[in-house]
Protein backbone atom coordinates (compact mmCIF):
# COMPACT_ATOMS: atom_id res chain seq x y z
CA MET A 1 15.23 44.53 -19.72
CA VAL A 2 12.05 46.14 -18.41
CA VAL A 3 9.74 47.03 -21.27
CA LEU A 4 6.77 48.11 -19.17
CA GLU A 5 6.35 49.13 -15.55
CA LEU A 6 2.97 49.92 -14.03
CA ILE A 7 2.19 50.66 -10.38
CA ILE A 8 -0.89 48.71 -9.25
CA PHE A 9 -2.80 48.44 -6.01
CA SER A 10 -5.35 45.70 -6.75
CA LYS A 11 -5.00 42.05 -5.76
CA VAL A 12 -3.16 39.94 -8.33
CA ASP A 13 -4.39 36.38 -8.82
CA PHE A 14 -1.65 34.97 -10.99
CA LEU A 15 1.61 35.71 -12.73
CA TRP A 16 2.29 34.61 -16.28
CA LYS A 17 5.43 33.83 -18.25
CA GLY A 18 5.24 32.77 -21.84
CA GLY A 19 6.94 33.17 -25.18
CA ASN A 20 9.62 35.82 -24.80
CA MET A 21 7.87 37.68 -21.99
CA ILE A 22 7.82 37.39 -18.20
CA VAL A 23 5.14 39.10 -16.12
CA LEU A 24 5.94 39.41 -12.42
CA ILE A 25 5.17 41.40 -9.31
CA GLU A 26 7.94 43.24 -7.51
CA ARG A 27 7.24 44.80 -4.13
CA LYS A 28 8.58 48.28 -3.38
CA GLU A 29 7.73 49.49 0.08
CA LYS A 30 3.90 49.29 0.27
CA ARG A 31 3.37 49.22 -3.50
CA ARG A 32 3.22 46.26 -5.84
CA ILE A 33 4.76 46.94 -9.22
CA LEU A 34 3.83 44.95 -12.31
CA LYS A 35 6.79 44.41 -14.60
CA ILE A 36 6.93 42.82 -18.00
CA LEU A 37 10.40 41.41 -18.71
CA ARG A 38 12.02 39.31 -21.34
CA GLY A 39 12.22 35.65 -20.42
CA SER A 40 10.74 32.16 -20.78
CA SER A 41 7.55 30.26 -19.60
CA HIS A 42 5.61 29.75 -16.24
CA LEU A 43 2.44 30.48 -14.34
CA LEU A 44 2.17 31.06 -10.62
CA SER A 45 -1.33 31.03 -9.13
CA LEU A 46 -1.62 32.94 -5.85
CA THR A 47 -3.72 31.88 -2.91
CA ALA A 48 -4.06 32.63 0.74
CA ARG A 49 -5.58 29.85 2.88
CA LEU A 50 -6.98 30.67 6.33
CA SER A 51 -8.97 29.03 9.29
CA MET A 52 -9.60 27.66 12.88
CA ILE A 53 -11.98 25.55 15.06
CA VAL A 54 -15.69 26.49 15.23
CA ALA A 55 -16.00 26.78 18.99
CA VAL A 56 -13.26 29.44 19.22
CA LEU A 57 -13.67 31.07 15.80
CA GLY A 58 -14.57 34.51 17.09
CA VAL A 59 -11.82 34.66 19.70
CA ALA A 60 -9.17 33.23 17.39
CA THR A 61 -10.05 35.60 14.55
CA GLY A 62 -9.77 38.61 16.79
CA LEU A 63 -6.47 37.43 18.24
CA PHE A 64 -4.82 36.67 14.92
CA SER A 65 -6.19 39.79 13.24
CA SER A 66 -4.69 41.92 15.98
CA VAL A 67 -1.32 40.24 15.45
CA TYR A 68 -1.27 40.22 11.63
CA GLY A 69 -3.94 42.67 10.41
CA GLY A 70 -3.38 45.08 7.54
CA LEU A 71 -2.78 43.75 4.04
CA ALA A 72 -1.57 40.29 3.10
CA GLY A 73 1.12 41.76 0.85
CA ILE A 74 0.59 38.70 -1.35
CA PRO A 75 4.00 37.51 -2.56
CA SER A 76 4.66 35.81 -5.88
CA ALA A 77 6.72 33.01 -4.32
CA PHE A 78 6.08 29.64 -2.63
CA VAL A 79 2.48 29.49 -3.76
CA ASP A 80 0.24 26.85 -2.19
CA ILE A 81 -1.45 25.31 -5.25
CA GLY A 82 -3.09 22.54 -3.20
CA TYR A 83 -1.18 19.25 -2.94
CA GLY A 84 -2.52 15.72 -2.98
CA ALA A 85 -5.15 14.41 -5.41
CA ARG A 86 -7.44 13.18 -2.63
CA PRO A 87 -7.74 16.56 -0.80
CA MET A 88 -8.08 18.48 -4.07
CA GLY A 89 -10.74 16.10 -5.33
CA MET A 90 -12.78 17.17 -2.29
CA GLY A 91 -12.46 20.89 -2.96
CA GLY A 92 -9.64 21.35 -0.47
CA ALA A 93 -11.86 20.51 2.53
CA TYR A 94 -9.34 18.40 4.45
CA VAL A 95 -8.27 19.97 7.74
CA ALA A 96 -10.51 17.78 9.91
CA LEU A 97 -10.53 14.78 7.59
CA ALA A 98 -6.73 14.53 7.13
CA ASP A 99 -5.78 10.93 7.99
CA ASP A 100 -3.19 9.94 5.36
CA ILE A 101 0.27 11.11 4.32
CA ASN A 102 -1.17 14.31 2.80
CA THR A 103 -1.77 15.45 6.36
CA ILE A 104 1.82 16.80 6.46
CA LEU A 105 0.58 19.78 4.44
CA TRP A 106 -3.09 19.92 5.40
CA ASN A 107 -2.95 19.27 9.17
CA PRO A 108 0.04 17.55 10.83
CA ALA A 109 -2.20 16.51 13.74
CA GLY A 110 -3.58 13.78 11.47
CA LEU A 111 -0.21 12.00 11.30
CA THR A 112 -1.10 9.87 14.31
CA ARG A 113 -4.03 8.46 12.30
CA LEU A 114 -1.68 6.68 9.90
CA ALA A 115 -2.28 2.93 10.08
CA GLY A 116 1.30 2.15 9.04
CA ARG A 117 3.96 3.66 6.84
CA GLU A 118 3.05 5.65 3.73
CA ILE A 119 4.97 7.06 0.79
CA THR A 120 3.28 9.32 -1.76
CA PHE A 121 4.23 11.10 -4.99
CA MET A 122 2.22 13.81 -6.72
CA TYR A 123 2.62 15.65 -10.01
CA ALA A 124 0.75 18.72 -11.22
CA ASP A 125 1.19 20.79 -14.37
CA GLN A 126 -0.27 23.98 -12.95
CA MET A 127 -2.26 25.86 -15.58
CA GLY A 128 -0.30 23.93 -18.20
CA LEU A 129 2.80 26.04 -17.53
CA VAL A 130 4.52 25.26 -14.23
CA PRO A 131 5.44 21.68 -13.17
CA TYR A 132 5.04 20.88 -9.45
CA TYR A 133 6.39 17.77 -7.72
CA PHE A 134 5.48 16.60 -4.22
CA ALA A 135 6.85 13.56 -2.37
CA ALA A 136 6.30 12.58 1.28
CA TYR A 137 6.88 9.78 3.79
CA GLY A 138 5.25 9.26 7.19
CA GLN A 139 4.75 6.69 9.92
CA SER A 140 3.56 6.36 13.50
CA PHE A 141 5.90 5.23 16.29
CA TRP A 142 5.78 4.58 20.04
CA GLN A 143 1.99 4.21 19.81
CA ASN A 144 1.16 7.90 20.43
CA HIS A 145 3.68 9.59 18.13
CA ALA A 146 4.16 10.03 14.39
CA HIS A 147 6.54 11.79 12.05
CA GLY A 148 6.61 12.75 8.38
CA GLU A 149 9.00 14.30 5.88
CA ALA A 150 8.25 15.83 2.50
CA ILE A 151 9.66 17.84 -0.38
CA ILE A 152 7.99 20.18 -2.86
CA HIS A 153 9.76 21.38 -6.00
CA SER A 154 8.60 23.61 -8.83
CA GLY A 155 9.92 25.75 -11.64
CA ASP A 156 12.93 25.82 -13.93
CA GLU A 157 16.10 27.85 -14.40
CA VAL A 158 14.10 31.10 -14.56
CA LEU A 159 12.62 30.55 -11.11
CA SER A 160 13.11 27.39 -9.05
CA GLU A 161 11.57 26.81 -5.61
CA THR A 162 12.06 23.93 -3.17
CA THR A 163 10.38 23.41 0.20
CA LEU A 164 11.61 20.81 2.70
CA LEU A 165 9.15 19.78 5.43
CA ALA A 166 9.50 17.87 8.71
CA ALA A 167 6.33 17.12 10.69
CA TYR A 168 5.50 15.64 14.10
CA GLY A 169 2.20 14.43 15.51
CA TYR A 170 1.09 13.38 19.00
CA THR A 171 -2.07 12.09 20.65
CA PRO A 172 -2.66 11.56 24.40
CA GLU A 173 -4.99 8.65 23.66
CA GLY A 174 -4.45 6.00 26.35
CA VAL A 175 -2.49 8.48 28.47
CA LEU A 176 -5.14 11.03 29.44
CA GLY A 177 -8.82 10.52 30.11
CA PRO A 178 -11.78 11.97 28.16
CA PRO A 179 -12.19 14.34 26.48
CA LEU A 180 -8.45 14.99 26.01
CA ASP A 181 -7.81 11.42 24.88
CA ARG A 182 -9.66 12.28 21.65
CA LEU A 183 -7.27 15.17 20.87
CA ARG A 184 -4.50 15.08 18.28
CA LEU A 185 -1.78 17.72 17.90
CA GLY A 186 0.84 18.36 15.24
CA ALA A 187 3.46 20.75 13.88
CA THR A 188 5.26 21.09 10.55
CA PHE A 189 8.53 22.96 10.11
CA LYS A 190 9.48 24.13 6.60
CA VAL A 191 12.71 25.25 5.00
CA ARG A 192 12.27 27.22 1.77
CA LEU A 193 14.95 27.55 -0.90
CA SER A 194 14.79 29.38 -4.22
CA SER A 195 16.98 30.50 -7.10
CA PHE A 196 16.18 32.79 -10.00
CA GLY A 197 17.78 34.16 -13.13
CA ASP A 198 19.86 31.09 -13.98
CA ASN A 199 18.66 31.13 -17.59
CA SER A 200 21.42 32.25 -19.96
CA ASP A 201 18.92 33.63 -22.50
CA GLY A 202 17.68 36.26 -20.05
CA GLY A 203 20.34 38.82 -20.91
CA GLU A 204 23.04 40.43 -18.83
CA GLU A 205 20.58 42.75 -17.06
CA ARG A 206 18.34 39.96 -15.79
CA SER A 207 17.70 39.65 -12.05
CA ARG A 208 19.48 36.66 -10.54
CA GLY A 209 20.08 35.41 -7.04
CA ASP A 210 18.65 33.10 -4.40
CA GLY A 211 16.39 32.98 -1.36
CA PHE A 212 16.16 31.19 1.98
CA GLY A 213 13.38 31.06 4.53
CA PHE A 214 11.35 29.00 6.97
CA GLY A 215 7.76 28.44 8.03
CA LEU A 216 5.82 26.79 10.87
CA ASP A 217 2.38 25.14 10.82
CA LEU A 218 0.44 24.15 13.96
CA GLY A 219 -2.61 21.91 13.82
CA ALA A 220 -5.13 20.07 15.97
CA GLN A 221 -7.97 17.58 15.54
CA TRP A 222 -10.59 16.55 18.07
CA ARG A 223 -13.02 13.67 17.69
CA ALA A 224 -16.19 15.17 19.13
CA THR A 225 -18.27 12.02 18.50
CA ASP A 226 -17.83 8.76 16.64
CA LYS A 227 -19.07 10.50 13.49
CA LEU A 228 -17.81 14.08 13.92
CA ILE A 229 -14.24 15.40 13.87
CA LEU A 230 -13.26 19.04 14.29
CA GLY A 231 -9.96 20.41 13.01
CA VAL A 232 -7.91 23.60 13.04
CA LEU A 233 -4.73 24.63 11.24
CA ALA A 234 -2.57 27.73 11.67
CA ARG A 235 -0.49 27.61 8.49
CA ASP A 236 2.76 29.58 8.34
CA ILE A 237 1.96 31.15 11.69
CA LEU A 238 5.67 32.03 11.78
CA ASN A 239 7.54 32.49 8.51
CA THR A 240 9.90 34.65 6.49
CA VAL A 241 11.84 34.43 3.23
CA SER A 242 15.04 36.43 2.65
CA TYR A 243 16.27 37.12 -0.88
CA ASN A 244 19.66 38.09 -2.26
CA ASN A 245 19.51 39.78 -5.68
CA GLU A 246 23.09 39.45 -6.86
CA ALA A 247 22.54 41.43 -10.06
CA ARG A 248 21.29 44.49 -8.18
CA GLY A 249 23.25 43.99 -5.01
CA GLU A 250 20.04 44.09 -2.97
CA LYS A 251 18.81 42.03 -0.02
CA TYR A 252 15.20 42.04 1.13
CA SER A 253 12.68 39.88 2.99
CA GLU A 254 8.98 39.07 2.70
CA SER A 255 6.58 36.64 4.32
CA VAL A 256 4.05 34.14 3.00
CA PRO A 257 0.51 35.11 4.13
CA SER A 258 -0.43 33.22 7.30
CA SER A 259 -3.55 31.06 7.23
CA LEU A 260 -6.12 30.12 9.87
CA VAL A 261 -8.35 27.19 8.84
CA LEU A 262 -11.39 25.76 10.61
CA GLY A 263 -12.79 22.41 9.51
CA LEU A 264 -15.16 19.58 10.31
CA SER A 265 -15.80 16.17 8.82
CA THR A 266 -18.74 13.86 9.44
CA SER A 267 -19.56 10.30 8.42
CA ALA A 268 -23.04 9.69 7.09
CA SER A 269 -22.26 5.98 6.86
CA GLU A 270 -19.27 3.66 6.63
CA ARG A 271 -19.01 4.48 2.92
CA LEU A 272 -20.01 8.17 2.77
CA LEU A 273 -18.46 11.20 4.46
CA PHE A 274 -18.59 14.97 4.13
CA ALA A 275 -16.05 17.68 4.95
CA LEU A 276 -16.31 21.45 5.34
CA ASP A 277 -13.53 24.00 5.81
CA LEU A 278 -13.64 27.74 6.41
CA GLU A 279 -10.63 29.92 5.65
CA LYS A 280 -11.17 32.96 7.85
CA SER A 281 -9.44 35.99 6.39
CA LEU A 282 -6.84 37.69 8.55
CA TYR A 283 -6.08 40.48 6.10
CA ALA A 284 -7.95 43.41 4.57
CA ASP A 285 -7.17 42.38 0.97
CA THR A 286 -8.20 38.69 1.15
CA ASP A 287 -11.64 37.10 1.40
CA ASP A 288 -12.99 34.29 3.55
CA ILE A 289 -13.16 31.04 1.57
CA ILE A 290 -15.46 28.04 1.98
CA HIS A 291 -14.41 24.52 0.93
CA PHE A 292 -16.80 21.59 0.77
CA GLY A 293 -16.21 17.99 -0.26
CA ALA A 294 -17.72 14.53 -0.21
CA GLU A 295 -16.19 11.06 -0.52
CA TRP A 296 -18.15 7.92 -1.40
CA ILE A 297 -16.68 4.42 -1.38
CA LEU A 298 -18.61 3.03 -4.34
CA LEU A 299 -16.89 -0.35 -4.28
CA ASP A 300 -14.14 -1.67 -2.05
CA PRO A 301 -11.37 -0.70 -4.51
CA LEU A 302 -13.08 2.42 -5.95
CA THR A 303 -13.78 5.76 -4.26
CA LEU A 304 -15.49 8.77 -5.85
CA ARG A 305 -15.05 12.37 -4.72
CA VAL A 306 -16.62 15.76 -5.43
CA GLY A 307 -16.05 19.24 -4.04
CA PHE A 308 -16.08 22.98 -4.54
CA SER A 309 -14.55 26.12 -3.07
CA GLN A 310 -15.76 29.72 -3.14
CA ASN A 311 -14.70 33.01 -1.67
CA ILE A 312 -17.09 35.21 0.33
CA GLY A 313 -16.74 38.68 -1.15
CA PRO A 314 -18.13 41.21 -3.62
CA GLU A 315 -16.63 39.31 -6.58
CA ILE A 316 -17.31 35.59 -6.47
CA TYR A 317 -14.62 33.14 -7.59
CA ARG A 318 -15.67 29.51 -7.54
CA SER A 319 -14.01 26.24 -8.50
CA TYR A 320 -15.40 22.71 -8.70
CA SER A 321 -13.55 19.41 -8.46
CA LEU A 322 -14.10 15.76 -9.26
CA GLY A 323 -11.88 12.93 -8.09
CA LEU A 324 -11.47 9.20 -7.84
CA GLY A 325 -9.29 6.80 -5.94
CA VAL A 326 -8.42 3.17 -6.59
CA ARG A 327 -6.80 1.02 -3.90
CA HIS A 328 -5.39 -2.47 -4.09
CA ASP A 329 -4.14 -4.43 -1.07
CA PHE A 330 -1.51 -7.10 -1.63
CA ARG A 331 -1.29 -10.30 0.40
CA VAL A 332 2.17 -9.37 1.66
CA GLY A 333 0.78 -6.60 3.88
CA MET A 334 1.22 -3.78 1.38
CA GLY A 335 -1.29 -1.55 -0.33
CA PHE A 336 -1.25 0.74 -3.36
CA ARG A 337 -3.55 3.70 -4.00
CA PHE A 338 -3.97 5.79 -7.13
CA ASP A 339 -5.78 9.13 -6.83
CA PHE A 340 -6.82 11.60 -9.51
CA ALA A 341 -8.51 15.00 -9.22
CA TYR A 342 -9.72 17.42 -11.88
CA ILE A 343 -10.32 21.02 -10.85
CA PHE A 344 -12.59 23.28 -12.92
CA ASN A 345 -11.15 26.79 -12.54
CA GLU A 346 -12.22 30.14 -14.01
CA VAL A 347 -8.70 30.80 -15.27
CA ARG A 348 -7.81 27.32 -16.52
CA ASP A 349 -8.71 23.77 -15.48
CA THR A 350 -5.99 21.81 -13.68
CA SER A 351 -5.48 18.26 -12.43
CA ARG A 352 -3.62 16.33 -9.74
CA VAL A 353 -2.24 12.79 -9.95
CA SER A 354 -1.02 10.97 -6.81
CA THR A 355 0.29 7.49 -6.11
CA THR A 356 0.64 6.16 -2.56
CA LEU A 357 2.31 3.05 -1.20
CA ILE A 358 1.07 1.79 2.19
CA PHE A 359 3.10 -0.79 4.13
């Protein structure tokens, strides 16, 4: 039962569900309507991540803005909270650096940099309210090719969301001459599934139904020098999610905001590297965001990380992160890595825990 309805036009940064209340955003035409309903407990942080490569930043921004433009129409579903403890420990600056299994989400072009096969698992209790699970597998094959598969799941019977991902990477190294032999390309296809209103304590008038959609990411990396890598990611360049509200007999569709990310990573030494990403806004109601991170191999098994991210706009929102990684290589040709990240956020601090098996 709706106990309060308020038409709003400002950007919403998160949705909250707690106690016997649910706060959500429902889109009606060009308006976003805030509703407070009876329910159970969750929090959905909302982000829009954007970018592309430095050399073509101006051209790419103009092209994508002409295609997308307008408002992001920020949806309250399939939120990108930032997956992988290693990337999040570096402030989310990972588009150019991506060289492990996390690359499926951050830049599929990096799949061809996998040294072998990798399996990873990540858990996050977002804002202490919503559990998120991420699992992925990837490997290279036929020398110049690589593939990866992943699954993301979050929520409960009130709102459950699952994303299935299949990624492919290719490099012409050894096939083409310079400078194209230093190029890596990749794509990730996503299938999105959701269900809502399956909680029996929500009352007969609760909204219930399901959703289905897809998304496509395209990425590239180019090794400019031995110490400098440039990267670009067009996240959800094509995407849509269709919903079926069985309780109301309504069907509608929305899209996840597309992202255009530009990044670079540089090695100061064999043990120290830096990464910088720029999310260039494509919409009138989202800001550009800068991500910066550093990674230092303190000892052979121990790596320390630090990072921050900040929007570029009239109201500054900034977050800081600290991370560490511990790796152990077994004599049987296998390796194990544990990664942890702690993110200091203005709303509430969060953490990421990842374990990775390399074989």
